[in-house]
Amino acid sequence: MIKLGDFNLLTVAEKSNNGYILMDADKIPVLLLDDPEYPNQNDVEVGSTCELFVFKDGEGRYQASARIPKIKLGEFAWLQVKDVNDTGAFMDWGMPKDLLVPFRHQNQKMMVGKSYVVYLLIDVLTDRLIGTGKINNFLNNEVLTVDVGDEVDLLVYEQTTLGYNVIINHLYKGLVYANEVFTDVQPGQQLKGYIKMIRPDNKIDVMLQRHGFEATEPIREIILERLKANEGYIAITDKSEPAAIYALFGVSKKVFKKAIGGLYKEKQIELKPDGIYLIA
């Protein structure tokens, strides 16, 4: 069965005038048209099998592409609008033809050149892939498969007075609090994060750094490596600004202080007002 909006294993049945005709296991025909950006098309030949992304063309026929899409069915992505007409907005999703976001699927009027987070679904009216900007309809925190401490994939989609709303693993809505962010974060960024708390109503708080011992251990080694590479000295201390610490080590000030505190107790480093010194 063809998986629309995803990669499919297809067999090349025959060469056509402008590409190839492929078949899936159920003998459903799929067109692989010549693509000027991919002239070799994975060097396909009749009888060979290849894994290609499948969508539908303007006539409703299955079409395959050797390109890698920026979004697959059931996923969210930050995409840029290339054109707008009386049907809707057309977004660059990495395929030969742009992705339509109909006006009925826009929370706000999408503008050419601007980027928005969209969700990829199959339109019930046309049975084709479309995007929607109404992303909250596709985020459901009722049943969670994540737990506190889990590493997760994040897509930042909105800045609020509290912090940043994020999409977790293409499934759930979460929040990263502004006072726990020590670097520049913008809508559209894809980040790694960690589940900090799951509230009784299943709202999820997310951190951008690991918590506690797990976070401290790797940064200890990084600090020691930096000291060795800089002739045993780093001009940063536990009094330094959180942003400066994050810029250098990618962790919060709290985690940094725990790490250097442990190294100090083990007599691996010396702490002075002007910085950290490696003890030979």
C-alpha atoms as a PDB file:
ATOM      1  CA  MET A   1       0.000   0.000   0.000  1.00  0.00           C
ATOM      2  CA  ILE A   2       1.341   3.425  -0.946  1.00  0.00           C
ATOM      3  CA  LYS A   3       2.309   5.616   2.017  1.00  0.00           C
ATOM      4  CA  LEU A   4       1.464   9.086   0.823  1.00  0.00           C
ATOM      5  CA  GLY A   5       3.770  11.745   2.235  1.00  0.00           C
ATOM      6  CA  ASP A   6       6.471   9.237   3.161  1.00  0.00           C
ATOM      7  CA  PHE A   7       9.207   7.088   1.651  1.00  0.00           C
ATOM      8  CA  ASN A   8       8.151   3.945  -0.212  1.00  0.00           C
ATOM      9  CA  LEU A   9      10.094   0.993  -1.570  1.00  0.00           C
ATOM     10  CA  LEU A  10       9.280   0.908  -5.282  1.00  0.00           C
ATOM     11  CA  THR A  11      10.295  -1.235  -8.251  1.00  0.00           C
ATOM     12  CA  VAL A  12      11.092   0.348 -11.612  1.00  0.00           C
ATOM     13  CA  ALA A  13       8.650  -1.203 -14.107  1.00  0.00           C
ATOM     14  CA  GLU A  14       9.434   0.693 -17.304  1.00  0.00           C
ATOM     15  CA  LYS A  15      11.031   3.750 -18.849  1.00  0.00           C
ATOM     16  CA  SER A  16       8.674   6.438 -20.091  1.00  0.00           C
ATOM     17  CA  ASN A  17       9.244   9.448 -22.333  1.00  0.00           C
ATOM     18  CA  ASN A  18       9.847  11.799 -19.391  1.00  0.00           C
ATOM     19  CA  GLY A  19      10.961   9.510 -16.588  1.00  0.00           C
ATOM     20  CA  TYR A  20      10.029   6.112 -15.156  1.00  0.00           C
ATOM     21  CA  ILE A  21       6.950   4.196 -14.098  1.00  0.00           C
ATOM     22  CA  LEU A  22       7.414   2.409 -10.797  1.00  0.00           C
ATOM     23  CA  MET A  23       5.230  -0.054  -8.884  1.00  0.00           C
ATOM     24  CA  ASP A  24       4.705  -0.784  -5.230  1.00  0.00           C
ATOM     25  CA  ALA A  25       4.021  -4.285  -3.877  1.00  0.00           C
ATOM     26  CA  ASP A  26       0.327  -3.929  -4.821  1.00  0.00           C
ATOM     27  CA  LYS A  27       1.219  -2.955  -8.398  1.00  0.00           C
ATOM     28  CA  ILE A  28       0.068   0.633  -7.943  1.00  0.00           C
ATOM     29  CA  PRO A  29       1.814   2.811 -10.562  1.00  0.00           C
ATOM     30  CA  VAL A  30       3.955   5.744  -9.413  1.00  0.00           C
ATOM     31  CA  LEU A  31       5.559   8.287 -11.746  1.00  0.00           C
ATOM     32  CA  LEU A  32       9.181   9.277 -11.355  1.00  0.00           C
ATOM     33  CA  LEU A  33       9.597  12.248 -13.654  1.00  0.00           C
ATOM     34  CA  ASP A  34      12.923  13.541 -14.906  1.00  0.00           C
ATOM     35  CA  ASP A  35      14.125  16.152 -12.432  1.00  0.00           C
ATOM     36  CA  PRO A  36      16.669  18.718 -13.678  1.00  0.00           C
ATOM     37  CA  GLU A  37      18.023  19.100 -10.134  1.00  0.00           C
ATOM     38  CA  TYR A  38      18.531  15.332  -9.844  1.00  0.00           C
ATOM     39  CA  PRO A  39      19.660  14.295 -13.342  1.00  0.00           C
ATOM     40  CA  ASN A  40      20.783  10.800 -12.327  1.00  0.00           C
ATOM     41  CA  GLN A  41      17.671   9.997 -10.239  1.00  0.00           C
ATOM     42  CA  ASN A  42      19.705   7.518  -8.151  1.00  0.00           C
ATOM     43  CA  ASP A  43      20.800   5.863 -11.444  1.00  0.00           C
ATOM     44  CA  VAL A  44      17.531   3.894 -11.600  1.00  0.00           C
ATOM     45  CA  GLU A  45      17.044   1.172 -14.181  1.00  0.00           C
ATOM     46  CA  VAL A  46      14.217  -1.194 -15.057  1.00  0.00           C
ATOM     47  CA  GLY A  47      13.925  -3.987 -12.493  1.00  0.00           C
ATOM     48  CA  SER A  48      15.770  -2.127  -9.742  1.00  0.00           C
ATOM     49  CA  THR A  49      14.183  -1.082  -6.454  1.00  0.00           C
ATOM     50  CA  CYS A  50      14.562   2.281  -4.765  1.00  0.00           C
ATOM     51  CA  GLU A  51      13.147   4.108  -1.775  1.00  0.00           C
ATOM     52  CA  LEU A  52      11.543   7.369  -2.832  1.00  0.00           C
ATOM     53  CA  PHE A  53       9.228   9.994  -1.379  1.00  0.00           C
ATOM     54  CA  VAL A  54       5.663   9.771  -2.725  1.00  0.00           C
ATOM     55  CA  PHE A  55       3.080  12.536  -3.137  1.00  0.00           C
ATOM     56  CA  LYS A  56       0.322  13.320  -5.657  1.00  0.00           C
ATOM     57  CA  ASP A  57       0.575  15.625  -8.643  1.00  0.00           C
ATOM     58  CA  GLY A  58      -2.052  18.139  -9.788  1.00  0.00           C
ATOM     59  CA  GLU A  59      -4.003  15.388 -11.555  1.00  0.00           C
ATOM     60  CA  GLY A  60      -4.148  13.168  -8.493  1.00  0.00           C
ATOM     61  CA  ARG A  61      -1.578  10.648  -9.741  1.00  0.00           C
ATOM     62  CA  TYR A  62       1.051   9.180  -7.442  1.00  0.00           C
ATOM     63  CA  GLN A  63       4.440  10.738  -8.081  1.00  0.00           C
ATOM     64  CA  ALA A  64       7.833   9.900  -6.599  1.00  0.00           C
ATOM     65  CA  SER A  65      10.860  12.100  -6.043  1.00  0.00           C
ATOM     66  CA  ALA A  66      14.497  11.487  -5.226  1.00  0.00           C
ATOM     67  CA  ARG A  67      14.544  14.718  -3.229  1.00  0.00           C
ATOM     68  CA  ILE A  68      14.495  14.747   0.567  1.00  0.00           C
ATOM     69  CA  PRO A  69      11.418  16.642   1.819  1.00  0.00           C
ATOM     70  CA  LYS A  70      11.588  19.153   4.639  1.00  0.00           C
ATOM     71  CA  ILE A  71       8.449  17.605   6.148  1.00  0.00           C
ATOM     72  CA  LYS A  72       6.664  14.230   6.044  1.00  0.00           C
ATOM     73  CA  LEU A  73       3.076  13.223   6.731  1.00  0.00           C
ATOM     74  CA  GLY A  74       2.190  13.796  10.387  1.00  0.00           C
ATOM     75  CA  GLU A  75       5.159  16.083  11.019  1.00  0.00           C
ATOM     76  CA  PHE A  76       5.639  19.783  11.720  1.00  0.00           C
ATOM     77  CA  ALA A  77       8.196  22.017  10.007  1.00  0.00           C
ATOM     78  CA  TRP A  78       9.187  25.662   9.655  1.00  0.00           C
ATOM     79  CA  LEU A  79       8.633  26.497   5.978  1.00  0.00           C
ATOM     80  CA  GLN A  80       8.876  29.630   3.862  1.00  0.00           C
ATOM     81  CA  VAL A  81       6.087  30.953   1.638  1.00  0.00           C
ATOM     82  CA  LYS A  82       7.168  31.262  -2.006  1.00  0.00           C
ATOM     83  CA  ASP A  83       3.900  32.408  -3.551  1.00  0.00           C
ATOM     84  CA  VAL A  84       0.288  33.298  -2.727  1.00  0.00           C
ATOM     85  CA  ASN A  85      -2.692  33.143  -5.077  1.00  0.00           C
ATOM     86  CA  ASP A  86      -6.474  32.886  -4.791  1.00  0.00           C
ATOM     87  CA  THR A  87      -6.155  29.257  -3.598  1.00  0.00           C
ATOM     88  CA  GLY A  88      -3.778  29.812  -0.710  1.00  0.00           C
ATOM     89  CA  ALA A  89      -0.080  30.002   0.126  1.00  0.00           C
ATOM     90  CA  PHE A  90       2.572  27.836  -1.535  1.00  0.00           C
ATOM     91  CA  MET A  91       5.512  26.842   0.643  1.00  0.00           C
ATOM     92  CA  ASP A  92       8.975  25.505  -0.122  1.00  0.00           C
ATOM     93  CA  TRP A  93       9.081  21.959   1.275  1.00  0.00           C
ATOM     94  CA  GLY A  94      11.950  20.674  -0.839  1.00  0.00           C
ATOM     95  CA  MET A  95       9.823  19.023  -3.529  1.00  0.00           C
ATOM     96  CA  PRO A  96       9.525  19.847  -7.255  1.00  0.00           C
ATOM     97  CA  LYS A  97       6.126  21.489  -6.652  1.00  0.00           C
ATOM     98  CA  ASP A  98       5.450  23.730  -3.662  1.00  0.00           C
ATOM     99  CA  LEU A  99       3.168  22.715  -0.783  1.00  0.00           C
ATOM    100  CA  LEU A 100      -0.276  24.329  -0.705  1.00  0.00           C
ATOM    101  CA  VAL A 101      -1.652  25.758   2.527  1.00  0.00           C
ATOM    102  CA  PRO A 102      -5.288  26.641   1.665  1.00  0.00           C
ATOM    103  CA  PHE A 103      -6.762  29.787   3.170  1.00  0.00           C
ATOM    104  CA  ARG A 104      -9.066  27.682   5.371  1.00  0.00           C
ATOM    105  CA  HIS A 105      -5.952  26.172   6.976  1.00  0.00           C
ATOM    106  CA  GLN A 106      -4.316  29.492   7.855  1.00  0.00           C
ATOM    107  CA  ASN A 107      -4.585  31.036  11.318  1.00  0.00           C
ATOM    108  CA  GLN A 108      -3.281  34.270   9.845  1.00  0.00           C
ATOM    109  CA  LYS A 109      -2.820  35.446   6.282  1.00  0.00           C
ATOM    110  CA  MET A 110       0.475  33.985   5.127  1.00  0.00           C
ATOM    111  CA  MET A 111       2.818  36.389   3.359  1.00  0.00           C
ATOM    112  CA  VAL A 112       5.386  35.745   0.607  1.00  0.00           C
ATOM    113  CA  GLY A 113       8.917  35.504   2.003  1.00  0.00           C
ATOM    114  CA  LYS A 114       7.814  34.816   5.575  1.00  0.00           C
ATOM    115  CA  SER A 115       8.099  31.467   7.356  1.00  0.00           C
ATOM    116  CA  TYR A 116       5.542  29.616   9.467  1.00  0.00           C
ATOM    117  CA  VAL A 117       5.236  26.319  11.322  1.00  0.00           C
ATOM    118  CA  VAL A 118       2.914  23.989   9.432  1.00  0.00           C
ATOM    119  CA  TYR A 119       1.673  20.421   9.805  1.00  0.00           C
ATOM    120  CA  LEU A 120       1.498  18.030   6.839  1.00  0.00           C
ATOM    121  CA  LEU A 121      -1.768  16.137   6.359  1.00  0.00           C
ATOM    122  CA  ILE A 122      -3.914  14.569   3.647  1.00  0.00           C
ATOM    123  CA  ASP A 123      -6.733  16.850   2.546  1.00  0.00           C
ATOM    124  CA  VAL A 124     -10.099  15.062   2.888  1.00  0.00           C
ATOM    125  CA  LEU A 125     -11.467  17.060  -0.064  1.00  0.00           C
ATOM    126  CA  THR A 126      -8.741  16.282  -2.616  1.00  0.00           C
ATOM    127  CA  ASP A 127      -6.873  13.279  -1.132  1.00  0.00           C
ATOM    128  CA  ARG A 128      -3.633  15.216  -1.676  1.00  0.00           C
ATOM    129  CA  LEU A 129      -0.974  16.450   0.731  1.00  0.00           C
ATOM    130  CA  ILE A 130      -1.496  19.945   2.088  1.00  0.00           C
ATOM    131  CA  GLY A 131      -0.083  21.997   4.925  1.00  0.00           C
ATOM    132  CA  THR A 132      -2.008  23.608   7.755  1.00  0.00           C
ATOM    133  CA  GLY A 133      -1.043  26.450  10.047  1.00  0.00           C
ATOM    134  CA  LYS A 134      -3.663  25.396  12.598  1.00  0.00           C
ATOM    135  CA  ILE A 135      -1.096  23.351  14.458  1.00  0.00           C
ATOM    136  CA  ASN A 136      -2.849  23.238  17.831  1.00  0.00           C
ATOM    137  CA  ASN A 137      -5.446  20.920  16.248  1.00  0.00           C
ATOM    138  CA  PHE A 138      -2.690  18.322  15.850  1.00  0.00           C
ATOM    139  CA  LEU A 139      -0.970  18.597  19.238  1.00  0.00           C
ATOM    140  CA  ASN A 140      -2.500  16.312  21.859  1.00  0.00           C
ATOM    141  CA  ASN A 141      -1.151  15.956  25.394  1.00  0.00           C
ATOM    142  CA  GLU A 142      -3.909  13.624  26.621  1.00  0.00           C
ATOM    143  CA  VAL A 143      -1.822  10.442  26.312  1.00  0.00           C
ATOM    144  CA  LEU A 144       1.931  10.922  26.724  1.00  0.00           C
ATOM    145  CA  THR A 145       4.750   8.573  25.771  1.00  0.00           C
ATOM    146  CA  VAL A 146       7.490  10.731  27.311  1.00  0.00           C
ATOM    147  CA  ASP A 147       8.647  10.910  30.917  1.00  0.00           C
ATOM    148  CA  VAL A 148      10.617  13.277  33.119  1.00  0.00           C
ATOM    149  CA  GLY A 149      14.286  13.311  32.092  1.00  0.00           C
ATOM    150  CA  ASP A 150      13.718  12.027  28.546  1.00  0.00           C
ATOM    151  CA  GLU A 151      15.695  13.619  25.736  1.00  0.00           C
ATOM    152  CA  VAL A 152      13.299  14.915  23.087  1.00  0.00           C
ATOM    153  CA  ASP A 153      13.281  16.717  19.745  1.00  0.00           C
ATOM    154  CA  LEU A 154      11.904  20.248  19.857  1.00  0.00           C
ATOM    155  CA  LEU A 155      10.609  22.675  17.258  1.00  0.00           C
ATOM    156  CA  VAL A 156      10.211  26.214  18.594  1.00  0.00           C
ATOM    157  CA  TYR A 157       7.048  27.750  17.170  1.00  0.00           C
ATOM    158  CA  GLU A 158       6.068  30.704  19.337  1.00  0.00           C
ATOM    159  CA  GLN A 159       7.481  33.140  21.880  1.00  0.00           C
ATOM    160  CA  THR A 160       5.186  34.086  24.777  1.00  0.00           C
ATOM    161  CA  THR A 161       5.428  36.166  27.940  1.00  0.00           C
ATOM    162  CA  LEU A 162       6.436  33.007  29.833  1.00  0.00           C
ATOM    163  CA  GLY A 163       8.995  31.715  27.350  1.00  0.00           C
ATOM    164  CA  TYR A 164       8.827  29.585  24.217  1.00  0.00           C
ATOM    165  CA  ASN A 165       6.121  27.188  23.095  1.00  0.00           C
ATOM    166  CA  VAL A 166       7.660  24.104  21.514  1.00  0.00           C
ATOM    167  CA  ILE A 167       6.491  21.018  19.660  1.00  0.00           C
ATOM    168  CA  ILE A 168       7.839  17.845  21.278  1.00  0.00           C
ATOM    169  CA  ASN A 169       8.630  14.842  19.057  1.00  0.00           C
ATOM    170  CA  HIS A 170       6.031  16.042  16.493  1.00  0.00           C
ATOM    171  CA  LEU A 171       3.337  15.091  19.018  1.00  0.00           C
ATOM    172  CA  TYR A 172       3.003  17.289  22.078  1.00  0.00           C
ATOM    173  CA  LYS A 173       3.006  20.912  23.139  1.00  0.00           C
ATOM    174  CA  GLY A 174       5.553  22.053  25.714  1.00  0.00           C
ATOM    175  CA  LEU A 175       6.949  25.198  27.270  1.00  0.00           C
ATOM    176  CA  VAL A 176      10.536  26.321  27.832  1.00  0.00           C
ATOM    177  CA  TYR A 177      10.597  29.092  30.447  1.00  0.00           C
ATOM    178  CA  ALA A 178      12.400  32.276  29.427  1.00  0.00           C
ATOM    179  CA  ASN A 179      14.430  32.425  32.664  1.00  0.00           C
ATOM    180  CA  GLU A 180      15.896  28.992  31.848  1.00  0.00           C
ATOM    181  CA  VAL A 181      17.120  29.984  28.379  1.00  0.00           C
ATOM    182  CA  PHE A 182      20.707  31.251  28.184  1.00  0.00           C
ATOM    183  CA  THR A 183      21.113  31.592  24.439  1.00  0.00           C
ATOM    184  CA  ASP A 184      19.289  33.134  21.501  1.00  0.00           C
ATOM    185  CA  VAL A 185      16.184  31.117  20.608  1.00  0.00           C
ATOM    186  CA  GLN A 186      13.955  31.884  17.629  1.00  0.00           C
ATOM    187  CA  PRO A 187      10.745  30.393  16.202  1.00  0.00           C
ATOM    188  CA  GLY A 188      11.621  27.737  13.662  1.00  0.00           C
ATOM    189  CA  GLN A 189      14.675  26.420  15.514  1.00  0.00           C
ATOM    190  CA  GLN A 190      15.032  22.674  15.965  1.00  0.00           C
ATOM    191  CA  LEU A 191      16.652  21.794  19.286  1.00  0.00           C
ATOM    192  CA  LYS A 192      17.298  18.946  21.661  1.00  0.00           C
ATOM    193  CA  GLY A 193      15.579  19.259  25.009  1.00  0.00           C
ATOM    194  CA  TYR A 194      14.748  17.342  28.187  1.00  0.00           C
ATOM    195  CA  ILE A 195      11.432  16.815  29.933  1.00  0.00           C
ATOM    196  CA  LYS A 196      11.610  18.790  33.177  1.00  0.00           C
ATOM    197  CA  MET A 197       8.089  18.300  34.546  1.00  0.00           C
ATOM    198  CA  ILE A 198       4.742  16.819  33.538  1.00  0.00           C
ATOM    199  CA  ARG A 199       1.955  18.634  35.337  1.00  0.00           C
ATOM    200  CA  PRO A 200      -1.312  17.028  36.549  1.00  0.00           C
ATOM    201  CA  ASP A 201      -3.117  18.411  33.481  1.00  0.00           C
ATOM    202  CA  ASN A 202      -0.388  16.883  31.241  1.00  0.00           C
ATOM    203  CA  LYS A 203       1.166  20.229  30.373  1.00  0.00           C
ATOM    204  CA  ILE A 204       4.890  19.711  29.817  1.00  0.00           C
ATOM    205  CA  ASP A 205       7.775  21.884  30.998  1.00  0.00           C
ATOM    206  CA  VAL A 206      10.947  21.451  28.971  1.00  0.00           C
ATOM    207  CA  MET A 207      14.608  22.317  29.601  1.00  0.00           C
ATOM    208  CA  LEU A 208      17.330  22.843  27.021  1.00  0.00           C
ATOM    209  CA  GLN A 209      19.985  21.321  29.315  1.00  0.00           C
ATOM    210  CA  ARG A 210      20.112  18.087  31.258  1.00  0.00           C
ATOM    211  CA  HIS A 211      19.379  18.358  34.939  1.00  0.00           C
ATOM    212  CA  GLY A 212      21.673  17.443  37.791  1.00  0.00           C
ATOM    213  CA  PHE A 213      24.414  14.792  37.677  1.00  0.00           C
ATOM    214  CA  GLU A 214      23.853  13.800  34.054  1.00  0.00           C
ATOM    215  CA  ALA A 215      24.500  17.368  32.951  1.00  0.00           C
ATOM    216  CA  THR A 216      27.504  17.880  35.237  1.00  0.00           C
ATOM    217  CA  GLU A 217      29.569  14.886  34.193  1.00  0.00           C
ATOM    218  CA  PRO A 218      30.162  15.751  30.503  1.00  0.00           C
ATOM    219  CA  ILE A 219      30.787  19.445  31.225  1.00  0.00           C
ATOM    220  CA  ARG A 220      33.528  18.546  33.709  1.00  0.00           C
ATOM    221  CA  GLU A 221      35.468  16.896  30.916  1.00  0.00           C
ATOM    222  CA  ILE A 222      34.861  19.850  28.595  1.00  0.00           C
ATOM    223  CA  ILE A 223      36.180  22.285  31.221  1.00  0.00           C
ATOM    224  CA  LEU A 224      39.334  20.226  31.691  1.00  0.00           C
ATOM    225  CA  GLU A 225      39.878  19.960  27.927  1.00  0.00           C
ATOM    226  CA  ARG A 226      39.443  23.721  27.516  1.00  0.00           C
ATOM    227  CA  LEU A 227      41.952  24.361  30.294  1.00  0.00           C
ATOM    228  CA  LYS A 228      44.509  22.056  28.694  1.00  0.00           C
ATOM    229  CA  ALA A 229      44.007  23.702  25.305  1.00  0.00           C
ATOM    230  CA  ASN A 230      44.456  27.199  26.830  1.00  0.00           C
ATOM    231  CA  GLU A 231      47.667  26.580  28.766  1.00  0.00           C
ATOM    232  CA  GLY A 232      45.790  25.802  31.966  1.00  0.00           C
ATOM    233  CA  TYR A 233      43.658  28.952  32.225  1.00  0.00           C
ATOM    234  CA  ILE A 234      40.107  30.118  31.363  1.00  0.00           C
ATOM    235  CA  ALA A 235      38.995  33.696  32.052  1.00  0.00           C
ATOM    236  CA  ILE A 236      35.588  32.738  33.415  1.00  0.00           C
ATOM    237  CA  THR A 237      34.364  32.060  36.964  1.00  0.00           C
ATOM    238  CA  ASP A 238      31.241  31.209  38.916  1.00  0.00           C
ATOM    239  CA  LYS A 239      30.594  34.973  39.061  1.00  0.00           C
ATOM    240  CA  SER A 240      30.428  35.281  35.265  1.00  0.00           C
ATOM    241  CA  GLU A 241      27.157  36.126  33.538  1.00  0.00           C
ATOM    242  CA  PRO A 242      24.913  33.129  32.647  1.00  0.00           C
ATOM    243  CA  ALA A 243      24.976  34.108  28.958  1.00  0.00           C
ATOM    244  CA  ALA A 244      28.793  34.054  28.888  1.00  0.00           C
ATOM    245  CA  ILE A 245      28.866  30.623  30.537  1.00  0.00           C
ATOM    246  CA  TYR A 246      26.272  29.245  28.125  1.00  0.00           C
ATOM    247  CA  ALA A 247      28.094  30.679  25.114  1.00  0.00           C
ATOM    248  CA  LEU A 248      31.304  28.904  26.126  1.00  0.00           C
ATOM    249  CA  PHE A 249      29.993  25.614  27.529  1.00  0.00           C
ATOM    250  CA  GLY A 250      26.347  25.317  26.456  1.00  0.00           C
ATOM    251  CA  VAL A 251      24.998  24.790  29.994  1.00  0.00           C
ATOM    252  CA  SER A 252      23.273  26.851  32.648  1.00  0.00           C
ATOM    253  CA  LYS A 253      25.222  28.696  35.338  1.00  0.00           C
ATOM    254  CA  LYS A 254      23.851  26.266  37.946  1.00  0.00           C
ATOM    255  CA  VAL A 255      25.248  23.229  36.115  1.00  0.00           C
ATOM    256  CA  PHE A 256      28.567  25.015  35.507  1.00  0.00           C
ATOM    257  CA  LYS A 257      28.960  25.868  39.204  1.00  0.00           C
ATOM    258  CA  LYS A 258      28.297  22.244  40.186  1.00  0.00           C
ATOM    259  CA  ALA A 259      30.916  21.059  37.718  1.00  0.00           C
ATOM    260  CA  ILE A 260      33.680  23.411  38.818  1.00  0.00           C
ATOM    261  CA  GLY A 261      32.755  22.819  42.455  1.00  0.00           C
ATOM    262  CA  GLY A 262      33.377  19.110  41.982  1.00  0.00           C
ATOM    263  CA  LEU A 263      36.653  19.709  40.153  1.00  0.00           C
ATOM    264  CA  TYR A 264      37.772  22.090  42.902  1.00  0.00           C
ATOM    265  CA  LYS A 265      37.036  19.551  45.641  1.00  0.00           C
ATOM    266  CA  GLU A 266      39.010  16.945  43.707  1.00  0.00           C
ATOM    267  CA  LYS A 267      41.901  19.464  43.494  1.00  0.00           C
ATOM    268  CA  GLN A 268      41.950  19.363  39.712  1.00  0.00           C
ATOM    269  CA  ILE A 269      41.433  23.112  39.384  1.00  0.00           C
ATOM    270  CA  GLU A 270      42.103  26.305  41.322  1.00  0.00           C
ATOM    271  CA  LEU A 271      39.498  29.078  41.443  1.00  0.00           C
ATOM    272  CA  LYS A 272      40.771  32.667  41.443  1.00  0.00           C
ATOM    273  CA  PRO A 273      39.023  36.031  40.948  1.00  0.00           C
ATOM    274  CA  ASP A 274      40.303  36.313  37.361  1.00  0.00           C
ATOM    275  CA  GLY A 275      39.440  32.777  36.233  1.00  0.00           C
ATOM    276  CA  ILE A 276      39.986  29.035  36.526  1.00  0.00           C
ATOM    277  CA  TYR A 277      43.450  27.481  36.658  1.00  0.00           C
ATOM    278  CA  LEU A 278      44.368  23.874  35.984  1.00  0.00           C
ATOM    279  CA  ILE A 279      46.366  22.185  38.710  1.00  0.00           C
ATOM    280  CA  ALA A 280      49.175  20.259  37.060  1.00  0.00           C
END
